[in-house]
Amino acid sequence: MVEYTKPWMSIKQQIAQLQGRGLIVDDESAAEQLLEEVGYYRLTGYLYPSRESEKFIDDRGRQSTRILSSYRKDTRLEHAAALIAFDRALRLLVLEAVERIEVSLRTQVGYILGQTSAFAHLDQRCFTPAFTAPSIDTGAGVMTSKHAEWISRVDERRASSKEAFVEHFRRKYDDRMPIWALTEILELGHLAKLYRGLQNDLATRIALHYSVPSKTVLASWIASTNYVRNVAAHQARLFNRKLVDAPTRPKNNAIPVLAHLREDTAPKQDFGLYNSLAVIAYLLRSIGGYADWTRRLKELVATFPSVPHVRIDSMGFPDGWAQQGLWKTSGSS
């Protein structure tokens, strides 16, 4: 381990260091304001694609690329400011769509599971053996299941809730809540884990509500949407992020308006943000707000700043994406 010995730097020293690395700063007052607003590491994160690089031979004799601390020619502070502003608007638009998806999914899970029983979420028969069988070592020599862990986390959330309807069930029904009420306090991450554990027949009924062909595909989409939601909700950089949970791209033209996701010419086919935005847009078709959200996303993407070394395909947008049927609000799913 290497001891960290770099000293604290004032805002002016930070600007001087950036300038020393080749960043063009035309207005130092604006630079000070931006650094005070977003901080050095957030700012330089948006400048990362503009850093110089060099080829080298690693210890195994392979050619690799090393990212340097200096910036490429003509890299300016306003480039980072423009990307930060664009990314902020993108995060807000994504959060708006995810809110609709999360609320809808809560409703469908409660409605469809509730037809089985009021407490279907506690009934192991509603879940796959892989979800209910003890398979997790708690560290104390005790095995537990994914289902038991999910119940424990939901119980913690219910116990900390200050919602009036939760208090009602706490006082009148000994804290037992039917699934159609419980879903109202679940976050998308809770729903993602629950959905992945459902028996296929129940999960498929939920998937078909969104015109999604299978549990496997929808489970992947929920996980990916939750990942994007978490990035956006924590104000992290989103626009060119490599997705850790990439959404499954439907095979064999199962969803025609998403067939272009599998084309060989699509940039960053698996991990670009575009794939997740496309899935979000598709899910909104079954929920509401699709036409308005789609229009505003297209308008926002059209404002992507003109920045050297950073292009729209860094988000995985394919050429001619806005002409695809998915983005035509008068089209059908």
C-alpha atoms as a PDB file:
ATOM      1  CA  MET A   1       0.000   0.000   0.000  1.00  0.00           C
ATOM      2  CA  VAL A   2       1.210   3.495  -0.855  1.00  0.00           C
ATOM      3  CA  GLU A   3       0.728   6.224   1.723  1.00  0.00           C
ATOM      4  CA  TYR A   4      -1.272   9.214   0.481  1.00  0.00           C
ATOM      5  CA  THR A   5       0.880  12.326   0.852  1.00  0.00           C
ATOM      6  CA  LYS A   6      -0.643  14.861  -1.557  1.00  0.00           C
ATOM      7  CA  PRO A   7      -1.373  18.180   0.183  1.00  0.00           C
ATOM      8  CA  TRP A   8      -4.658  20.072   0.373  1.00  0.00           C
ATOM      9  CA  MET A   9      -4.995  22.653  -2.389  1.00  0.00           C
ATOM     10  CA  SER A  10      -6.904  25.927  -2.435  1.00  0.00           C
ATOM     11  CA  ILE A  11      -9.288  26.656  -5.304  1.00  0.00           C
ATOM     12  CA  LYS A  12      -6.656  28.873  -6.951  1.00  0.00           C
ATOM     13  CA  GLN A  13      -4.067  26.107  -6.619  1.00  0.00           C
ATOM     14  CA  GLN A  14      -6.485  23.648  -8.184  1.00  0.00           C
ATOM     15  CA  ILE A  15      -6.962  25.977 -11.140  1.00  0.00           C
ATOM     16  CA  ALA A  16      -3.206  26.385 -11.483  1.00  0.00           C
ATOM     17  CA  GLN A  17      -2.728  22.617 -11.474  1.00  0.00           C
ATOM     18  CA  LEU A  18      -5.375  22.154 -14.177  1.00  0.00           C
ATOM     19  CA  GLN A  19      -3.764  24.865 -16.268  1.00  0.00           C
ATOM     20  CA  GLY A  20      -0.373  23.242 -15.748  1.00  0.00           C
ATOM     21  CA  ARG A  21      -1.810  20.060 -17.184  1.00  0.00           C
ATOM     22  CA  GLY A  22      -2.939  21.823 -20.317  1.00  0.00           C
ATOM     23  CA  LEU A  23      -6.519  22.838 -19.528  1.00  0.00           C
ATOM     24  CA  ILE A  24      -7.440  26.187 -21.054  1.00  0.00           C
ATOM     25  CA  VAL A  25      -9.119  28.457 -18.509  1.00  0.00           C
ATOM     26  CA  ASP A  26     -10.296  31.703 -20.089  1.00  0.00           C
ATOM     27  CA  ASP A  27     -12.199  32.999 -17.067  1.00  0.00           C
ATOM     28  CA  GLU A  28     -10.615  32.212 -13.725  1.00  0.00           C
ATOM     29  CA  SER A  29     -13.574  33.679 -11.842  1.00  0.00           C
ATOM     30  CA  ALA A  30     -15.918  31.233 -13.613  1.00  0.00           C
ATOM     31  CA  ALA A  31     -13.446  28.442 -12.879  1.00  0.00           C
ATOM     32  CA  GLU A  32     -13.472  29.296  -9.183  1.00  0.00           C
ATOM     33  CA  GLN A  33     -17.264  29.299  -9.120  1.00  0.00           C
ATOM     34  CA  LEU A  34     -17.461  25.934 -10.911  1.00  0.00           C
ATOM     35  CA  LEU A  35     -14.911  24.300  -8.606  1.00  0.00           C
ATOM     36  CA  GLU A  36     -16.698  25.651  -5.536  1.00  0.00           C
ATOM     37  CA  GLU A  37     -19.959  24.247  -6.894  1.00  0.00           C
ATOM     38  CA  VAL A  38     -18.924  20.759  -8.038  1.00  0.00           C
ATOM     39  CA  GLY A  39     -15.445  20.090  -6.641  1.00  0.00           C
ATOM     40  CA  TYR A  40     -12.157  19.105  -8.239  1.00  0.00           C
ATOM     41  CA  TYR A  41     -12.756  15.375  -8.638  1.00  0.00           C
ATOM     42  CA  ARG A  42     -16.219  15.757 -10.107  1.00  0.00           C
ATOM     43  CA  LEU A  43     -14.932  18.340 -12.573  1.00  0.00           C
ATOM     44  CA  THR A  44     -11.966  16.232 -13.662  1.00  0.00           C
ATOM     45  CA  GLY A  45     -14.237  13.214 -14.067  1.00  0.00           C
ATOM     46  CA  TYR A  46     -16.022  15.022 -16.873  1.00  0.00           C
ATOM     47  CA  LEU A  47     -12.645  15.978 -18.361  1.00  0.00           C
ATOM     48  CA  TYR A  48     -11.319  12.396 -18.267  1.00  0.00           C
ATOM     49  CA  PRO A  49     -12.060  11.604 -21.960  1.00  0.00           C
ATOM     50  CA  SER A  50      -9.909  14.609 -22.906  1.00  0.00           C
ATOM     51  CA  ARG A  51      -6.757  13.380 -21.173  1.00  0.00           C
ATOM     52  CA  GLU A  52      -3.670  12.430 -23.145  1.00  0.00           C
ATOM     53  CA  SER A  53      -2.690   8.768 -23.438  1.00  0.00           C
ATOM     54  CA  GLU A  54       0.313   6.758 -24.529  1.00  0.00           C
ATOM     55  CA  LYS A  55       1.055   3.203 -25.587  1.00  0.00           C
ATOM     56  CA  PHE A  56       3.416   1.042 -23.545  1.00  0.00           C
ATOM     57  CA  ILE A  57       4.477  -2.574 -23.151  1.00  0.00           C
ATOM     58  CA  ASP A  58       3.328  -4.084 -19.856  1.00  0.00           C
ATOM     59  CA  ASP A  59       5.104  -6.648 -17.665  1.00  0.00           C
ATOM     60  CA  ARG A  60       3.673  -9.485 -19.766  1.00  0.00           C
ATOM     61  CA  GLY A  61       4.950  -8.039 -23.005  1.00  0.00           C
ATOM     62  CA  ARG A  62       1.531  -6.868 -24.163  1.00  0.00           C
ATOM     63  CA  GLN A  63       0.800  -3.461 -25.620  1.00  0.00           C
ATOM     64  CA  SER A  64      -1.408  -1.401 -23.339  1.00  0.00           C
ATOM     65  CA  THR A  65      -2.604   2.174 -23.040  1.00  0.00           C
ATOM     66  CA  ARG A  66      -1.726   4.468 -20.156  1.00  0.00           C
ATOM     67  CA  ILE A  67      -3.905   7.520 -19.386  1.00  0.00           C
ATOM     68  CA  LEU A  68      -1.790  10.567 -18.584  1.00  0.00           C
ATOM     69  CA  SER A  69      -2.577  13.505 -16.304  1.00  0.00           C
ATOM     70  CA  SER A  70      -2.168  16.081 -19.075  1.00  0.00           C
ATOM     71  CA  TYR A  71      -5.027  17.215 -21.312  1.00  0.00           C
ATOM     72  CA  ARG A  72      -5.231  17.102 -25.079  1.00  0.00           C
ATOM     73  CA  LYS A  73      -4.789  20.229 -27.138  1.00  0.00           C
ATOM     74  CA  ASP A  74      -7.701  22.704 -27.066  1.00  0.00           C
ATOM     75  CA  THR A  75      -9.368  21.168 -23.990  1.00  0.00           C
ATOM     76  CA  ARG A  76     -11.210  23.977 -22.227  1.00  0.00           C
ATOM     77  CA  LEU A  77     -12.886  24.407 -18.863  1.00  0.00           C
ATOM     78  CA  GLU A  78     -16.200  25.301 -20.533  1.00  0.00           C
ATOM     79  CA  HIS A  79     -16.253  21.849 -22.135  1.00  0.00           C
ATOM     80  CA  ALA A  80     -16.512  20.273 -18.692  1.00  0.00           C
ATOM     81  CA  ALA A  81     -19.103  22.846 -17.592  1.00  0.00           C
ATOM     82  CA  ALA A  82     -21.269  22.044 -20.631  1.00  0.00           C
ATOM     83  CA  LEU A  83     -21.062  18.292 -20.022  1.00  0.00           C
ATOM     84  CA  ILE A  84     -21.921  18.749 -16.343  1.00  0.00           C
ATOM     85  CA  ALA A  85     -25.022  20.783 -17.258  1.00  0.00           C
ATOM     86  CA  PHE A  86     -26.101  18.241 -19.870  1.00  0.00           C
ATOM     87  CA  ASP A  87     -25.607  15.346 -17.476  1.00  0.00           C
ATOM     88  CA  ARG A  88     -27.631  17.088 -14.768  1.00  0.00           C
ATOM     89  CA  ALA A  89     -30.583  17.502 -17.132  1.00  0.00           C
ATOM     90  CA  LEU A  90     -30.243  13.887 -18.273  1.00  0.00           C
ATOM     91  CA  ARG A  91     -30.278  12.561 -14.704  1.00  0.00           C
ATOM     92  CA  LEU A  92     -33.457  14.489 -13.882  1.00  0.00           C
ATOM     93  CA  LEU A  93     -35.192  13.186 -16.991  1.00  0.00           C
ATOM     94  CA  VAL A  94     -34.158   9.605 -16.207  1.00  0.00           C
ATOM     95  CA  LEU A  95     -35.363   9.894 -12.605  1.00  0.00           C
ATOM     96  CA  GLU A  96     -38.743  11.117 -13.800  1.00  0.00           C
ATOM     97  CA  ALA A  97     -39.164   8.067 -16.033  1.00  0.00           C
ATOM     98  CA  VAL A  98     -37.898   5.628 -13.408  1.00  0.00           C
ATOM     99  CA  GLU A  99     -40.397   6.999 -10.898  1.00  0.00           C
ATOM    100  CA  ARG A 100     -43.231   6.038 -13.246  1.00  0.00           C
ATOM    101  CA  ILE A 101     -41.744   2.590 -13.811  1.00  0.00           C
ATOM    102  CA  GLU A 102     -41.183   1.960 -10.098  1.00  0.00           C
ATOM    103  CA  VAL A 103     -44.715   2.972  -9.104  1.00  0.00           C
ATOM    104  CA  SER A 104     -46.205   0.881 -11.910  1.00  0.00           C
ATOM    105  CA  LEU A 105     -44.129  -2.160 -10.970  1.00  0.00           C
ATOM    106  CA  ARG A 106     -45.185  -1.840  -7.319  1.00  0.00           C
ATOM    107  CA  THR A 107     -48.795  -1.862  -8.473  1.00  0.00           C
ATOM    108  CA  GLN A 108     -48.456  -4.868 -10.761  1.00  0.00           C
ATOM    109  CA  VAL A 109     -46.503  -6.956  -8.237  1.00  0.00           C
ATOM    110  CA  GLY A 110     -49.083  -6.229  -5.533  1.00  0.00           C
ATOM    111  CA  TYR A 111     -52.016  -6.848  -7.866  1.00  0.00           C
ATOM    112  CA  ILE A 112     -50.820 -10.115  -9.405  1.00  0.00           C
ATOM    113  CA  LEU A 113     -49.259 -11.645  -6.286  1.00  0.00           C
ATOM    114  CA  GLY A 114     -52.300 -10.543  -4.286  1.00  0.00           C
ATOM    115  CA  GLN A 115     -54.497 -12.785  -6.406  1.00  0.00           C
ATOM    116  CA  THR A 116     -52.568 -15.730  -4.965  1.00  0.00           C
ATOM    117  CA  SER A 117     -52.971 -14.570  -1.362  1.00  0.00           C
ATOM    118  CA  ALA A 118     -52.730 -11.436   0.735  1.00  0.00           C
ATOM    119  CA  PHE A 119     -49.374 -12.622   2.062  1.00  0.00           C
ATOM    120  CA  ALA A 120     -48.016 -14.231  -1.087  1.00  0.00           C
ATOM    121  CA  HIS A 121     -44.637 -12.583  -0.468  1.00  0.00           C
ATOM    122  CA  LEU A 122     -44.234 -14.860   2.582  1.00  0.00           C
ATOM    123  CA  ASP A 123     -45.380 -18.015   0.768  1.00  0.00           C
ATOM    124  CA  GLN A 124     -42.397 -20.016  -0.458  1.00  0.00           C
ATOM    125  CA  ARG A 125     -44.580 -21.710  -3.074  1.00  0.00           C
ATOM    126  CA  CYS A 126     -44.628 -18.425  -5.004  1.00  0.00           C
ATOM    127  CA  PHE A 127     -40.852 -18.494  -5.432  1.00  0.00           C
ATOM    128  CA  THR A 128     -38.204 -20.602  -7.091  1.00  0.00           C
ATOM    129  CA  PRO A 129     -36.255 -23.158  -5.028  1.00  0.00           C
ATOM    130  CA  ALA A 130     -33.076 -21.164  -5.702  1.00  0.00           C
ATOM    131  CA  PHE A 131     -34.690 -18.182  -3.969  1.00  0.00           C
ATOM    132  CA  THR A 132     -36.045 -20.037  -0.945  1.00  0.00           C
ATOM    133  CA  ALA A 133     -33.413 -22.707  -0.306  1.00  0.00           C
ATOM    134  CA  PRO A 134     -30.744 -21.887   2.319  1.00  0.00           C
ATOM    135  CA  SER A 135     -27.633 -20.954   0.351  1.00  0.00           C
ATOM    136  CA  ILE A 136     -26.109 -17.949   2.107  1.00  0.00           C
ATOM    137  CA  ASP A 137     -23.714 -18.267   5.033  1.00  0.00           C
ATOM    138  CA  THR A 138     -24.466 -15.499   7.534  1.00  0.00           C
ATOM    139  CA  GLY A 139     -20.943 -15.791   8.901  1.00  0.00           C
ATOM    140  CA  ALA A 140     -22.120 -17.324  12.170  1.00  0.00           C
ATOM    141  CA  GLY A 141     -22.397 -20.854  10.883  1.00  0.00           C
ATOM    142  CA  VAL A 142     -26.056 -20.315  10.001  1.00  0.00           C
ATOM    143  CA  MET A 143     -27.428 -20.673   6.485  1.00  0.00           C
ATOM    144  CA  THR A 144     -30.183 -18.451   5.192  1.00  0.00           C
ATOM    145  CA  SER A 145     -31.979 -17.948   1.892  1.00  0.00           C
ATOM    146  CA  LYS A 146     -32.327 -15.059  -0.526  1.00  0.00           C
ATOM    147  CA  HIS A 147     -36.028 -14.998   0.343  1.00  0.00           C
ATOM    148  CA  ALA A 148     -35.329 -14.758   4.082  1.00  0.00           C
ATOM    149  CA  GLU A 149     -32.810 -11.979   3.497  1.00  0.00           C
ATOM    150  CA  TRP A 150     -35.341 -10.103   1.365  1.00  0.00           C
ATOM    151  CA  ILE A 151     -37.986 -10.404   4.102  1.00  0.00           C
ATOM    152  CA  SER A 152     -35.489  -9.166   6.703  1.00  0.00           C
ATOM    153  CA  ARG A 153     -34.611  -6.069   4.669  1.00  0.00           C
ATOM    154  CA  VAL A 154     -38.250  -5.279   3.955  1.00  0.00           C
ATOM    155  CA  ASP A 155     -39.067  -5.713   7.647  1.00  0.00           C
ATOM    156  CA  GLU A 156     -36.366  -3.157   8.472  1.00  0.00           C
ATOM    157  CA  ARG A 157     -37.812  -0.742   5.967  1.00  0.00           C
ATOM    158  CA  ARG A 158     -41.327  -1.200   7.325  1.00  0.00           C
ATOM    159  CA  ALA A 159     -40.135  -0.743  10.905  1.00  0.00           C
ATOM    160  CA  SER A 160     -38.498   2.588  10.060  1.00  0.00           C
ATOM    161  CA  SER A 161     -41.420   3.879   7.981  1.00  0.00           C
ATOM    162  CA  LYS A 162     -43.369   6.869   9.260  1.00  0.00           C
ATOM    163  CA  GLU A 163     -46.176   6.516   6.702  1.00  0.00           C
ATOM    164  CA  ALA A 164     -49.648   6.733   8.233  1.00  0.00           C
ATOM    165  CA  PHE A 165     -50.917   3.602   6.493  1.00  0.00           C
ATOM    166  CA  VAL A 166     -47.915   1.625   7.799  1.00  0.00           C
ATOM    167  CA  GLU A 167     -48.678   2.799  11.322  1.00  0.00           C
ATOM    168  CA  HIS A 168     -52.284   1.692  10.793  1.00  0.00           C
ATOM    169  CA  PHE A 169     -51.200  -1.868   9.990  1.00  0.00           C
ATOM    170  CA  ARG A 170     -48.687  -1.748  12.837  1.00  0.00           C
ATOM    171  CA  ARG A 171     -51.345  -0.938  15.424  1.00  0.00           C
ATOM    172  CA  LYS A 172     -54.389  -2.776  14.110  1.00  0.00           C
ATOM    173  CA  TYR A 173     -52.971  -5.863  12.389  1.00  0.00           C
ATOM    174  CA  ASP A 174     -49.858  -6.634  14.423  1.00  0.00           C
ATOM    175  CA  ASP A 175     -47.635  -5.175  11.698  1.00  0.00           C
ATOM    176  CA  ARG A 176     -48.818  -7.669   9.070  1.00  0.00           C
ATOM    177  CA  MET A 177     -49.285  -5.992   5.708  1.00  0.00           C
ATOM    178  CA  PRO A 178     -50.818  -7.554   2.588  1.00  0.00           C
ATOM    179  CA  ILE A 179     -48.635  -7.522  -0.495  1.00  0.00           C
ATOM    180  CA  TRP A 180     -50.767  -4.864  -2.196  1.00  0.00           C
ATOM    181  CA  ALA A 181     -50.040  -2.460   0.675  1.00  0.00           C
ATOM    182  CA  LEU A 182     -46.462  -3.565   1.328  1.00  0.00           C
ATOM    183  CA  THR A 183     -45.369  -2.760  -2.223  1.00  0.00           C
ATOM    184  CA  GLU A 184     -46.032   0.925  -1.568  1.00  0.00           C
ATOM    185  CA  ILE A 185     -42.924   1.158   0.632  1.00  0.00           C
ATOM    186  CA  LEU A 186     -40.678  -0.974  -1.580  1.00  0.00           C
ATOM    187  CA  GLU A 187     -37.888   0.598  -3.582  1.00  0.00           C
ATOM    188  CA  LEU A 188     -36.981  -0.588  -7.057  1.00  0.00           C
ATOM    189  CA  GLY A 189     -34.100  -2.634  -5.641  1.00  0.00           C
ATOM    190  CA  HIS A 190     -36.501  -4.560  -3.383  1.00  0.00           C
ATOM    191  CA  LEU A 191     -38.819  -5.156  -6.323  1.00  0.00           C
ATOM    192  CA  ALA A 192     -35.928  -6.332  -8.501  1.00  0.00           C
ATOM    193  CA  LYS A 193     -34.896  -8.996  -5.985  1.00  0.00           C
ATOM    194  CA  LEU A 194     -38.461 -10.122  -5.377  1.00  0.00           C
ATOM    195  CA  TYR A 195     -39.247 -10.350  -9.077  1.00  0.00           C
ATOM    196  CA  ARG A 196     -36.137 -12.381  -9.842  1.00  0.00           C
ATOM    197  CA  GLY A 197     -37.191 -14.927  -7.225  1.00  0.00           C
ATOM    198  CA  LEU A 198     -40.787 -15.390  -8.431  1.00  0.00           C
ATOM    199  CA  GLN A 199     -42.069 -18.575  -9.988  1.00  0.00           C
ATOM    200  CA  ASN A 200     -42.065 -18.252 -13.762  1.00  0.00           C
ATOM    201  CA  ASP A 201     -45.851 -18.207 -14.178  1.00  0.00           C
ATOM    202  CA  LEU A 202     -46.289 -15.237 -11.828  1.00  0.00           C
ATOM    203  CA  ALA A 203     -43.287 -13.389 -13.225  1.00  0.00           C
ATOM    204  CA  THR A 204     -44.446 -13.922 -16.808  1.00  0.00           C
ATOM    205  CA  ARG A 205     -47.863 -12.439 -16.057  1.00  0.00           C
ATOM    206  CA  ILE A 206     -46.143  -9.293 -14.820  1.00  0.00           C
ATOM    207  CA  ALA A 207     -43.800  -9.238 -17.832  1.00  0.00           C
ATOM    208  CA  LEU A 208     -46.669  -9.521 -20.297  1.00  0.00           C
ATOM    209  CA  HIS A 209     -48.318  -6.470 -18.760  1.00  0.00           C
ATOM    210  CA  TYR A 210     -45.365  -4.513 -20.158  1.00  0.00           C
ATOM    211  CA  SER A 211     -45.330  -6.457 -23.448  1.00  0.00           C
ATOM    212  CA  VAL A 212     -42.061  -8.087 -22.425  1.00  0.00           C
ATOM    213  CA  PRO A 213     -41.721 -11.699 -23.644  1.00  0.00           C
ATOM    214  CA  SER A 214     -40.191 -13.365 -20.586  1.00  0.00           C
ATOM    215  CA  LYS A 215     -39.244 -13.181 -16.946  1.00  0.00           C
ATOM    216  CA  THR A 216     -35.552 -13.314 -17.849  1.00  0.00           C
ATOM    217  CA  VAL A 217     -35.751 -10.211 -20.002  1.00  0.00           C
ATOM    218  CA  LEU A 218     -37.852  -8.153 -17.576  1.00  0.00           C
ATOM    219  CA  ALA A 219     -35.682  -9.180 -14.590  1.00  0.00           C
ATOM    220  CA  SER A 220     -32.637  -7.887 -16.459  1.00  0.00           C
ATOM    221  CA  TRP A 221     -34.429  -4.661 -17.367  1.00  0.00           C
ATOM    222  CA  ILE A 222     -35.525  -3.997 -13.795  1.00  0.00           C
ATOM    223  CA  ALA A 223     -31.985  -4.570 -12.507  1.00  0.00           C
ATOM    224  CA  SER A 224     -30.514  -2.284 -15.164  1.00  0.00           C
ATOM    225  CA  THR A 225     -33.116   0.417 -14.557  1.00  0.00           C
ATOM    226  CA  ASN A 226     -32.416   0.231 -10.834  1.00  0.00           C
ATOM    227  CA  TYR A 227     -28.690   0.634 -11.468  1.00  0.00           C
ATOM    228  CA  VAL A 228     -29.259   3.695 -13.650  1.00  0.00           C
ATOM    229  CA  ARG A 229     -31.693   5.079 -11.081  1.00  0.00           C
ATOM    230  CA  ASN A 230     -29.096   4.716  -8.309  1.00  0.00           C
ATOM    231  CA  VAL A 231     -26.441   6.492 -10.374  1.00  0.00           C
ATOM    232  CA  ALA A 232     -28.824   9.352 -11.157  1.00  0.00           C
ATOM    233  CA  ALA A 233     -30.231   9.594  -7.626  1.00  0.00           C
ATOM    234  CA  HIS A 234     -26.741   9.915  -6.144  1.00  0.00           C
ATOM    235  CA  GLN A 235     -25.796  12.662  -8.610  1.00  0.00           C
ATOM    236  CA  ALA A 236     -23.022  10.574 -10.141  1.00  0.00           C
ATOM    237  CA  ARG A 237     -21.878  11.022 -13.732  1.00  0.00           C
ATOM    238  CA  LEU A 238     -24.346   9.228 -15.982  1.00  0.00           C
ATOM    239  CA  PHE A 239     -24.037  10.235 -19.620  1.00  0.00           C
ATOM    240  CA  ASN A 240     -21.031   8.109 -20.629  1.00  0.00           C
ATOM    241  CA  ARG A 241     -21.099   5.584 -17.810  1.00  0.00           C
ATOM    242  CA  LYS A 242     -20.400   1.960 -18.635  1.00  0.00           C
ATOM    243  CA  LEU A 243     -23.412   0.040 -17.306  1.00  0.00           C
ATOM    244  CA  VAL A 244     -22.577  -2.531 -14.662  1.00  0.00           C
ATOM    245  CA  ASP A 245     -26.046  -4.050 -15.117  1.00  0.00           C
ATOM    246  CA  ALA A 246     -26.626  -3.941 -18.862  1.00  0.00           C
ATOM    247  CA  PRO A 247     -30.185  -4.752 -19.976  1.00  0.00           C
ATOM    248  CA  THR A 248     -30.727  -7.937 -21.938  1.00  0.00           C
ATOM    249  CA  ARG A 249     -31.329  -7.238 -25.626  1.00  0.00           C
ATOM    250  CA  PRO A 250     -34.287  -9.353 -26.840  1.00  0.00           C
ATOM    251  CA  LYS A 251     -33.345 -12.035 -29.347  1.00  0.00           C
ATOM    252  CA  ASN A 252     -34.896 -13.092 -32.626  1.00  0.00           C
ATOM    253  CA  ASN A 253     -36.743  -9.824 -33.152  1.00  0.00           C
ATOM    254  CA  ALA A 254     -38.994 -10.642 -30.174  1.00  0.00           C
ATOM    255  CA  ILE A 255     -39.560  -6.899 -29.715  1.00  0.00           C
ATOM    256  CA  PRO A 256     -39.269  -5.297 -33.175  1.00  0.00           C
ATOM    257  CA  VAL A 257     -38.792  -1.716 -31.957  1.00  0.00           C
ATOM    258  CA  LEU A 258     -35.741  -2.864 -29.963  1.00  0.00           C
ATOM    259  CA  ALA A 259     -34.230  -4.993 -32.723  1.00  0.00           C
ATOM    260  CA  HIS A 260     -31.726  -2.229 -33.537  1.00  0.00           C
ATOM    261  CA  LEU A 261     -30.021  -2.805 -30.170  1.00  0.00           C
ATOM    262  CA  ARG A 262     -28.517  -5.992 -31.583  1.00  0.00           C
ATOM    263  CA  GLU A 263     -27.211  -4.524 -34.818  1.00  0.00           C
ATOM    264  CA  ASP A 264     -23.475  -4.921 -35.331  1.00  0.00           C
ATOM    265  CA  THR A 265     -23.074  -1.226 -36.061  1.00  0.00           C
ATOM    266  CA  ALA A 266     -24.485  -0.115 -32.690  1.00  0.00           C
ATOM    267  CA  PRO A 267     -21.669   1.436 -30.573  1.00  0.00           C
ATOM    268  CA  LYS A 268     -21.028  -0.059 -27.137  1.00  0.00           C
ATOM    269  CA  GLN A 269     -23.753  -2.589 -27.775  1.00  0.00           C
ATOM    270  CA  ASP A 270     -23.916  -4.083 -24.313  1.00  0.00           C
ATOM    271  CA  PHE A 271     -22.861  -1.409 -21.874  1.00  0.00           C
ATOM    272  CA  GLY A 272     -23.722   2.018 -23.312  1.00  0.00           C
ATOM    273  CA  LEU A 273     -26.390   4.110 -21.615  1.00  0.00           C
ATOM    274  CA  TYR A 274     -28.503   4.164 -24.780  1.00  0.00           C
ATOM    275  CA  ASN A 275     -29.587   0.558 -24.222  1.00  0.00           C
ATOM    276  CA  SER A 276     -31.011   1.437 -20.823  1.00  0.00           C
ATOM    277  CA  LEU A 277     -32.711   4.577 -22.157  1.00  0.00           C
ATOM    278  CA  ALA A 278     -34.309   2.478 -24.902  1.00  0.00           C
ATOM    279  CA  VAL A 279     -35.615  -0.032 -22.361  1.00  0.00           C
ATOM    280  CA  ILE A 280     -36.989   2.778 -20.190  1.00  0.00           C
ATOM    281  CA  ALA A 281     -38.764   4.290 -23.203  1.00  0.00           C
ATOM    282  CA  TYR A 282     -40.239   0.900 -24.097  1.00  0.00           C
ATOM    283  CA  LEU A 283     -41.544   0.287 -20.574  1.00  0.00           C
ATOM    284  CA  LEU A 284     -43.140   3.735 -20.525  1.00  0.00           C
ATOM    285  CA  ARG A 285     -45.310   2.694 -23.483  1.00  0.00           C
ATOM    286  CA  SER A 286     -47.311   0.480 -21.113  1.00  0.00           C
ATOM    287  CA  ILE A 287     -47.424   3.026 -18.285  1.00  0.00           C
ATOM    288  CA  GLY A 288     -47.988   6.560 -19.494  1.00  0.00           C
ATOM    289  CA  GLY A 289     -46.056   9.706 -20.214  1.00  0.00           C
ATOM    290  CA  TYR A 290     -44.249   7.988 -23.069  1.00  0.00           C
ATOM    291  CA  ALA A 291     -44.824  10.557 -25.808  1.00  0.00           C
ATOM    292  CA  ASP A 292     -43.848  13.573 -23.713  1.00  0.00           C
ATOM    293  CA  TRP A 293     -40.808  11.895 -22.146  1.00  0.00           C
ATOM    294  CA  THR A 294     -39.591  10.619 -25.508  1.00  0.00           C
ATOM    295  CA  ARG A 295     -39.954  14.064 -27.066  1.00  0.00           C
ATOM    296  CA  ARG A 296     -38.015  15.711 -24.246  1.00  0.00           C
ATOM    297  CA  LEU A 297     -35.247  13.106 -24.352  1.00  0.00           C
ATOM    298  CA  LYS A 298     -34.783  13.671 -28.086  1.00  0.00           C
ATOM    299  CA  GLU A 299     -34.731  17.428 -27.523  1.00  0.00           C
ATOM    300  CA  LEU A 300     -32.148  17.059 -24.751  1.00  0.00           C
ATOM    301  CA  VAL A 301     -29.879  14.755 -26.747  1.00  0.00           C
ATOM    302  CA  ALA A 302     -29.997  17.269 -29.598  1.00  0.00           C
ATOM    303  CA  THR A 303     -28.324  19.751 -27.225  1.00  0.00           C
ATOM    304  CA  PHE A 304     -25.359  17.469 -26.511  1.00  0.00           C
ATOM    305  CA  PRO A 305     -22.447  19.913 -26.264  1.00  0.00           C
ATOM    306  CA  SER A 306     -19.859  20.187 -28.982  1.00  0.00           C
ATOM    307  CA  VAL A 307     -16.819  18.985 -27.079  1.00  0.00           C
ATOM    308  CA  PRO A 308     -13.580  17.678 -28.599  1.00  0.00           C
ATOM    309  CA  HIS A 309     -12.938  13.972 -27.993  1.00  0.00           C
ATOM    310  CA  VAL A 310     -16.471  13.360 -26.627  1.00  0.00           C
ATOM    311  CA  ARG A 311     -19.285  12.382 -28.966  1.00  0.00           C
ATOM    312  CA  ILE A 312     -22.851  11.192 -28.603  1.00  0.00           C
ATOM    313  CA  ASP A 313     -21.787   7.615 -29.347  1.00  0.00           C
ATOM    314  CA  SER A 314     -19.954   7.666 -25.999  1.00  0.00           C
ATOM    315  CA  MET A 315     -23.443   6.980 -24.593  1.00  0.00           C
ATOM    316  CA  GLY A 316     -24.011   4.163 -27.076  1.00  0.00           C
ATOM    317  CA  PHE A 317     -26.381   6.091 -29.351  1.00  0.00           C
ATOM    318  CA  PRO A 318     -26.372   4.506 -32.819  1.00  0.00           C
ATOM    319  CA  ASP A 319     -26.495   6.562 -36.000  1.00  0.00           C
ATOM    320  CA  GLY A 320     -30.051   7.537 -36.883  1.00  0.00           C
ATOM    321  CA  TRP A 321     -31.370   6.485 -33.478  1.00  0.00           C
ATOM    322  CA  ALA A 322     -34.134   9.122 -33.399  1.00  0.00           C
ATOM    323  CA  GLN A 323     -35.630   7.686 -36.591  1.00  0.00           C
ATOM    324  CA  GLN A 324     -36.083   4.238 -35.040  1.00  0.00           C
ATOM    325  CA  GLY A 325     -39.702   3.196 -34.421  1.00  0.00           C
ATOM    326  CA  LEU A 326     -39.138   3.198 -30.671  1.00  0.00           C
ATOM    327  CA  TRP A 327     -38.742   6.962 -30.661  1.00  0.00           C
ATOM    328  CA  LYS A 328     -41.692   7.766 -32.917  1.00  0.00           C
ATOM    329  CA  THR A 329     -44.446   8.689 -30.510  1.00  0.00           C
ATOM    330  CA  SER A 330     -47.216   7.873 -32.968  1.00  0.00           C
ATOM    331  CA  GLY A 331     -45.862   4.371 -33.530  1.00  0.00           C
ATOM    332  CA  SER A 332     -47.169   1.205 -31.936  1.00  0.00           C
ATOM    333  CA  SER A 333     -45.315  -1.224 -29.701  1.00  0.00           C
END
